[in-house]
């Protein structure tokens, strides 16, 4: 079973790989988490305006074959 941190890292890597966010944006989100932000990677990306809700849902559906 994957841990929350591993799962979040995979989401970030996947979003960078498909060009939805930049590596710099991913690094910023991870830094926020390391500095105490308890939200999930996708929640922070949404709050920062890096991705739309629709884009996040589509990525999650596609990556998990839902």
PDB file of N, CA and C in Angstrom:
ATOM      1  N   UNK A   1       0.846  -1.183   0.000  1.00  0.00           N
ATOM      2  CA  UNK A   1       0.000   0.000   0.000  1.00  0.00           C
ATOM      3  C   UNK A   1       0.891   1.248   0.000  1.00  0.00           C
ATOM      4  N   UNK A   2       0.559   2.213  -0.880  1.00  0.00           N
ATOM      5  CA  UNK A   2       1.353   3.430  -0.975  1.00  0.00           C
ATOM      6  C   UNK A   2       1.017   4.383   0.159  1.00  0.00           C
ATOM      7  N   UNK A   3       2.004   5.137   0.583  1.00  0.00           N
ATOM      8  CA  UNK A   3       1.752   6.161   1.590  1.00  0.00           C
ATOM      9  C   UNK A   3       1.221   7.408   0.912  1.00  0.00           C
ATOM     10  N   UNK A   4       0.648   8.306   1.713  1.00  0.00           N
ATOM     11  CA  UNK A   4       0.117   9.550   1.170  1.00  0.00           C
ATOM     12  C   UNK A   4       1.208  10.339   0.455  1.00  0.00           C
ATOM     13  N   UNK A   5       2.394  10.418   1.030  1.00  0.00           N
ATOM     14  CA  UNK A   5       3.487  11.181   0.431  1.00  0.00           C
ATOM     15  C   UNK A   5       3.869  10.607  -0.933  1.00  0.00           C
ATOM     16  N   UNK A   6       3.954   9.294  -1.038  1.00  0.00           N
ATOM     17  CA  UNK A   6       4.293   8.669  -2.309  1.00  0.00           C
ATOM     18  C   UNK A   6       3.218   8.950  -3.342  1.00  0.00           C
ATOM     19  N   UNK A   7       1.975   8.843  -2.959  1.00  0.00           N
ATOM     20  CA  UNK A   7       0.860   9.092  -3.868  1.00  0.00           C
ATOM     21  C   UNK A   7       0.907  10.527  -4.376  1.00  0.00           C
ATOM     22  N   UNK A   8       1.146  11.482  -3.505  1.00  0.00           N
ATOM     23  CA  UNK A   8       1.212  12.877  -3.913  1.00  0.00           C
ATOM     24  C   UNK A   8       2.375  13.106  -4.867  1.00  0.00           C
ATOM     25  N   UNK A   9       3.495  12.516  -4.581  1.00  0.00           N
ATOM     26  CA  UNK A   9       4.663  12.661  -5.439  1.00  0.00           C
ATOM     27  C   UNK A   9       4.354  12.134  -6.836  1.00  0.00           C
ATOM     28  N   UNK A  10       3.653  11.038  -6.922  1.00  0.00           N
ATOM     29  CA  UNK A  10       3.298  10.482  -8.214  1.00  0.00           C
ATOM     30  C   UNK A  10       2.351  11.400  -8.975  1.00  0.00           C
ATOM     31  N   UNK A  11       1.419  12.022  -8.294  1.00  0.00           N
ATOM     32  CA  UNK A  11       0.517  12.965  -8.953  1.00  0.00           C
ATOM     33  C   UNK A  11       1.323  14.124  -9.527  1.00  0.00           C
ATOM     34  N   UNK A  12       2.218  14.657  -8.743  1.00  0.00           N
ATOM     35  CA  UNK A  12       3.047  15.766  -9.213  1.00  0.00           C
ATOM     36  C   UNK A  12       3.883  15.380 -10.420  1.00  0.00           C
ATOM     37  N   UNK A  13       4.511  14.222 -10.346  1.00  0.00           N
ATOM     38  CA  UNK A  13       5.333  13.757 -11.466  1.00  0.00           C
ATOM     39  C   UNK A  13       4.483  13.551 -12.714  1.00  0.00           C
ATOM     40  N   UNK A  14       3.312  12.992 -12.521  1.00  0.00           N
ATOM     41  CA  UNK A  14       2.423  12.747 -13.660  1.00  0.00           C
ATOM     42  C   UNK A  14       1.950  14.033 -14.307  1.00  0.00           C
ATOM     43  N   UNK A  15       1.585  15.009 -13.493  1.00  0.00           N
ATOM     44  CA  UNK A  15       1.123  16.287 -14.036  1.00  0.00           C
ATOM     45  C   UNK A  15       2.246  17.014 -14.764  1.00  0.00           C
ATOM     46  N   UNK A  16       3.471  16.890 -14.270  1.00  0.00           N
ATOM     47  CA  UNK A  16       4.625  17.486 -14.964  1.00  0.00           C
ATOM     48  C   UNK A  16       4.873  16.734 -16.275  1.00  0.00           C
ATOM     49  N   UNK A  17       4.818  15.424 -16.214  1.00  0.00           N
ATOM     50  CA  UNK A  17       5.099  14.593 -17.395  1.00  0.00           C
ATOM     51  C   UNK A  17       4.165  14.924 -18.555  1.00  0.00           C
ATOM     52  N   UNK A  18       2.892  15.170 -18.262  1.00  0.00           N
ATOM     53  CA  UNK A  18       1.942  15.458 -19.344  1.00  0.00           C
ATOM     54  C   UNK A  18       1.859  16.950 -19.665  1.00  0.00           C
ATOM     55  N   UNK A  19       2.644  17.754 -18.973  1.00  0.00           N
ATOM     56  CA  UNK A  19       2.716  19.173 -19.292  1.00  0.00           C
ATOM     57  C   UNK A  19       1.630  20.037 -18.692  1.00  0.00           C
ATOM     58  N   UNK A  20       0.910  19.504 -17.715  1.00  0.00           N
ATOM     59  CA  UNK A  20      -0.165  20.268 -17.083  1.00  0.00           C
ATOM     60  C   UNK A  20       0.383  21.324 -16.137  1.00  0.00           C
ATOM     61  N   UNK A  21       1.432  20.978 -15.406  1.00  0.00           N
ATOM     62  CA  UNK A  21       2.131  21.934 -14.548  1.00  0.00           C
ATOM     63  C   UNK A  21       3.620  21.844 -14.856  1.00  0.00           C
ATOM     64  N   UNK A  22       4.355  22.842 -14.416  1.00  0.00           N
ATOM     65  CA  UNK A  22       5.809  22.831 -14.615  1.00  0.00           C
ATOM     66  C   UNK A  22       6.491  22.159 -13.424  1.00  0.00           C
ATOM     67  N   UNK A  23       7.746  21.804 -13.620  1.00  0.00           N
ATOM     68  CA  UNK A  23       8.520  21.239 -12.511  1.00  0.00           C
ATOM     69  C   UNK A  23       8.626  22.257 -11.383  1.00  0.00           C
ATOM     70  N   UNK A  24       8.776  23.527 -11.735  1.00  0.00           N
ATOM     71  CA  UNK A  24       8.868  24.584 -10.726  1.00  0.00           C
ATOM     72  C   UNK A  24       7.583  24.654  -9.894  1.00  0.00           C
ATOM     73  N   UNK A  25       6.429  24.535 -10.542  1.00  0.00           N
ATOM     74  CA  UNK A  25       5.162  24.545  -9.809  1.00  0.00           C
ATOM     75  C   UNK A  25       5.057  23.331  -8.896  1.00  0.00           C
ATOM     76  N   UNK A  26       5.452  22.174  -9.391  1.00  0.00           N
ATOM     77  CA  UNK A  26       5.436  20.964  -8.572  1.00  0.00           C
ATOM     78  C   UNK A  26       6.342  21.124  -7.358  1.00  0.00           C
ATOM     79  N   UNK A  27       7.534  21.660  -7.591  1.00  0.00           N
ATOM     80  CA  UNK A  27       8.479  21.875  -6.490  1.00  0.00           C
ATOM     81  C   UNK A  27       7.911  22.844  -5.457  1.00  0.00           C
ATOM     82  N   UNK A  28       7.197  23.864  -5.924  1.00  0.00           N
ATOM     83  CA  UNK A  28       6.589  24.838  -5.011  1.00  0.00           C
ATOM     84  C   UNK A  28       5.536  24.172  -4.123  1.00  0.00           C
ATOM     85  N   UNK A  29       4.737  23.311  -4.711  1.00  0.00           N
ATOM     86  CA  UNK A  29       3.707  22.596  -3.949  1.00  0.00           C
ATOM     87  C   UNK A  29       4.359  21.677  -2.918  1.00  0.00           C
ATOM     88  N   UNK A  30       5.375  20.947  -3.332  1.00  0.00           N
ATOM     89  CA  UNK A  30       6.073  20.048  -2.411  1.00  0.00           C
ATOM     90  C   UNK A  30       6.713  20.841  -1.274  1.00  0.00           C
ATOM     91  N   UNK A  31       7.291  21.998  -1.586  1.00  0.00           N
ATOM     92  CA  UNK A  31       7.885  22.851  -0.548  1.00  0.00           C
ATOM     93  C   UNK A  31       6.818  23.307   0.443  1.00  0.00           C
ATOM     94  N   UNK A  32       5.639  23.663  -0.067  1.00  0.00           N
ATOM     95  CA  UNK A  32       4.539  24.048   0.823  1.00  0.00           C
ATOM     96  C   UNK A  32       4.211  22.905   1.782  1.00  0.00           C
ATOM     97  N   UNK A  33       4.141  21.690   1.256  1.00  0.00           N
ATOM     98  CA  UNK A  33       3.835  20.532   2.095  1.00  0.00           C
ATOM     99  C   UNK A  33       4.941  20.299   3.122  1.00  0.00           C
ATOM    100  N   UNK A  34       6.175  20.453   2.707  1.00  0.00           N
ATOM    101  CA  UNK A  34       7.290  20.253   3.629  1.00  0.00           C
ATOM    102  C   UNK A  34       7.327  21.327   4.707  1.00  0.00           C
ATOM    103  N   UNK A  35       6.732  22.475   4.413  1.00  0.00           N
ATOM    104  CA  UNK A  35       6.668  23.570   5.384  1.00  0.00           C
ATOM    105  C   UNK A  35       5.388  23.540   6.210  1.00  0.00           C
ATOM    106  N   UNK A  36       4.658  22.424   6.162  1.00  0.00           N
ATOM    107  CA  UNK A  36       3.534  22.237   7.059  1.00  0.00           C
ATOM    108  C   UNK A  36       2.147  22.272   6.452  1.00  0.00           C
ATOM    109  N   UNK A  37       2.032  22.557   5.161  1.00  0.00           N
ATOM    110  CA  UNK A  37       0.708  22.551   4.530  1.00  0.00           C
ATOM    111  C   UNK A  37       0.219  21.107   4.478  1.00  0.00           C
ATOM    112  N   UNK A  38      -0.896  20.828   5.118  1.00  0.00           N
ATOM    113  CA  UNK A  38      -1.399  19.456   5.247  1.00  0.00           C
ATOM    114  C   UNK A  38      -2.292  19.027   4.080  1.00  0.00           C
ATOM    115  N   UNK A  39      -2.563  19.943   3.160  1.00  0.00           N
ATOM    116  CA  UNK A  39      -3.446  19.604   2.041  1.00  0.00           C
ATOM    117  C   UNK A  39      -2.762  18.643   1.066  1.00  0.00           C
ATOM    118  N   UNK A  40      -3.585  17.938   0.315  1.00  0.00           N
ATOM    119  CA  UNK A  40      -3.084  17.050  -0.719  1.00  0.00           C
ATOM    120  C   UNK A  40      -2.502  17.861  -1.870  1.00  0.00           C
ATOM    121  N   UNK A  41      -1.645  17.226  -2.653  1.00  0.00           N
ATOM    122  CA  UNK A  41      -0.978  17.889  -3.770  1.00  0.00           C
ATOM    123  C   UNK A  41      -1.997  18.579  -4.680  1.00  0.00           C
ATOM    124  N   UNK A  42      -3.025  17.857  -5.074  1.00  0.00           N
ATOM    125  CA  UNK A  42      -4.038  18.418  -5.971  1.00  0.00           C
ATOM    126  C   UNK A  42      -4.783  19.588  -5.371  1.00  0.00           C
ATOM    127  N   UNK A  43      -5.044  19.532  -4.078  1.00  0.00           N
ATOM    128  CA  UNK A  43      -5.732  20.644  -3.414  1.00  0.00           C
ATOM    129  C   UNK A  43      -4.896  21.919  -3.472  1.00  0.00           C
ATOM    130  N   UNK A  44      -3.606  21.779  -3.248  1.00  0.00           N
ATOM    131  CA  UNK A  44      -2.726  22.950  -3.293  1.00  0.00           C
ATOM    132  C   UNK A  44      -2.623  23.472  -4.724  1.00  0.00           C
ATOM    133  N   UNK A  45      -2.485  22.570  -5.686  1.00  0.00           N
ATOM    134  CA  UNK A  45      -2.401  22.977  -7.092  1.00  0.00           C
ATOM    135  C   UNK A  45      -3.650  23.749  -7.505  1.00  0.00           C
ATOM    136  N   UNK A  46      -4.805  23.298  -7.049  1.00  0.00           N
ATOM    137  CA  UNK A  46      -6.060  24.006  -7.332  1.00  0.00           C
ATOM    138  C   UNK A  46      -6.074  25.376  -6.673  1.00  0.00           C
ATOM    139  N   UNK A  47      -5.706  25.434  -5.411  1.00  0.00           N
ATOM    140  CA  UNK A  47      -5.733  26.692  -4.658  1.00  0.00           C
ATOM    141  C   UNK A  47      -4.787  27.726  -5.260  1.00  0.00           C
ATOM    142  N   UNK A  48      -3.674  27.268  -5.798  1.00  0.00           N
ATOM    143  CA  UNK A  48      -2.697  28.183  -6.400  1.00  0.00           C
ATOM    144  C   UNK A  48      -3.069  28.558  -7.832  1.00  0.00           C
ATOM    145  N   UNK A  49      -4.094  27.924  -8.366  1.00  0.00           N
ATOM    146  CA  UNK A  49      -4.519  28.213  -9.731  1.00  0.00           C
ATOM    147  C   UNK A  49      -3.654  27.567 -10.798  1.00  0.00           C
ATOM    148  N   UNK A  50      -2.874  26.564 -10.414  1.00  0.00           N
ATOM    149  CA  UNK A  50      -2.002  25.883 -11.370  1.00  0.00           C
ATOM    150  C   UNK A  50      -2.797  24.969 -12.302  1.00  0.00           C
ATOM    151  N   UNK A  51      -3.902  24.429 -11.799  1.00  0.00           N
ATOM    152  CA  UNK A  51      -4.749  23.540 -12.592  1.00  0.00           C
ATOM    153  C   UNK A  51      -6.205  23.831 -12.271  1.00  0.00           C
ATOM    154  N   UNK A  52      -7.087  23.398 -13.153  1.00  0.00           N
ATOM    155  CA  UNK A  52      -8.522  23.520 -12.895  1.00  0.00           C
ATOM    156  C   UNK A  52      -9.021  22.222 -12.258  1.00  0.00           C
ATOM    157  N   UNK A  53     -10.178  22.301 -11.646  1.00  0.00           N
ATOM    158  CA  UNK A  53     -10.790  21.118 -11.050  1.00  0.00           C
ATOM    159  C   UNK A  53     -11.016  20.056 -12.126  1.00  0.00           C
ATOM    160  N   UNK A  54     -11.505  20.486 -13.280  1.00  0.00           N
ATOM    161  CA  UNK A  54     -11.788  19.558 -14.376  1.00  0.00           C
ATOM    162  C   UNK A  54     -10.519  18.842 -14.840  1.00  0.00           C
ATOM    163  N   UNK A  55      -9.422  19.583 -14.931  1.00  0.00           N
ATOM    164  CA  UNK A  55      -8.148  18.991 -15.345  1.00  0.00           C
ATOM    165  C   UNK A  55      -7.668  17.961 -14.330  1.00  0.00           C
ATOM    166  N   UNK A  56      -7.795  18.287 -13.050  1.00  0.00           N
ATOM    167  CA  UNK A  56      -7.377  17.353 -12.006  1.00  0.00           C
ATOM    168  C   UNK A  56      -8.213  16.079 -12.056  1.00  0.00           C
ATOM    169  N   UNK A  57      -9.519  16.221 -12.171  1.00  0.00           N
ATOM    170  CA  UNK A  57     -10.404  15.049 -12.226  1.00  0.00           C
ATOM    171  C   UNK A  57     -10.082  14.194 -13.447  1.00  0.00           C
ATOM    172  N   UNK A  58      -9.887  14.836 -14.603  1.00  0.00           N
ATOM    173  CA  UNK A  58      -9.556  14.087 -15.817  1.00  0.00           C
ATOM    174  C   UNK A  58      -8.243  13.327 -15.633  1.00  0.00           C
ATOM    175  N   UNK A  59      -7.235  13.989 -15.066  1.00  0.00           N
ATOM    176  CA  UNK A  59      -5.951  13.314 -14.843  1.00  0.00           C
ATOM    177  C   UNK A  59      -6.138  12.106 -13.915  1.00  0.00           C
ATOM    178  N   UNK A  60      -6.858  12.295 -12.821  1.00  0.00           N
ATOM    179  CA  UNK A  60      -7.061  11.199 -11.871  1.00  0.00           C
ATOM    180  C   UNK A  60      -7.828  10.050 -12.512  1.00  0.00           C
ATOM    181  N   UNK A  61      -8.859  10.364 -13.290  1.00  0.00           N
ATOM    182  CA  UNK A  61      -9.617   9.310 -13.977  1.00  0.00           C
ATOM    183  C   UNK A  61      -8.733   8.565 -14.970  1.00  0.00           C
ATOM    184  N   UNK A  62      -7.992   9.318 -15.774  1.00  0.00           N
ATOM    185  CA  UNK A  62      -7.139   8.694 -16.790  1.00  0.00           C
ATOM    186  C   UNK A  62      -6.020   7.866 -16.164  1.00  0.00           C
ATOM    187  N   UNK A  63      -5.413   8.381 -15.111  1.00  0.00           N
ATOM    188  CA  UNK A  63      -4.274   7.683 -14.514  1.00  0.00           C
ATOM    189  C   UNK A  63      -4.691   6.478 -13.680  1.00  0.00           C
ATOM    190  N   UNK A  64      -5.935   6.454 -13.256  1.00  0.00           N
ATOM    191  CA  UNK A  64      -6.418   5.330 -12.449  1.00  0.00           C
ATOM    192  C   UNK A  64      -7.447   4.493 -13.193  1.00  0.00           C
ATOM    193  N   UNK A  65      -7.602   4.770 -14.480  1.00  0.00           N
ATOM    194  CA  UNK A  65      -8.504   3.997 -15.353  1.00  0.00           C
ATOM    195  C   UNK A  65      -9.917   3.908 -14.785  1.00  0.00           C
ATOM    196  N   UNK A  66     -10.415   5.044 -14.272  1.00  0.00           N
ATOM    197  CA  UNK A  66     -11.767   5.083 -13.692  1.00  0.00           C
ATOM    198  C   UNK A  66     -12.770   5.374 -14.786  1.00  0.00           C
TER     199      UNK A  66
END
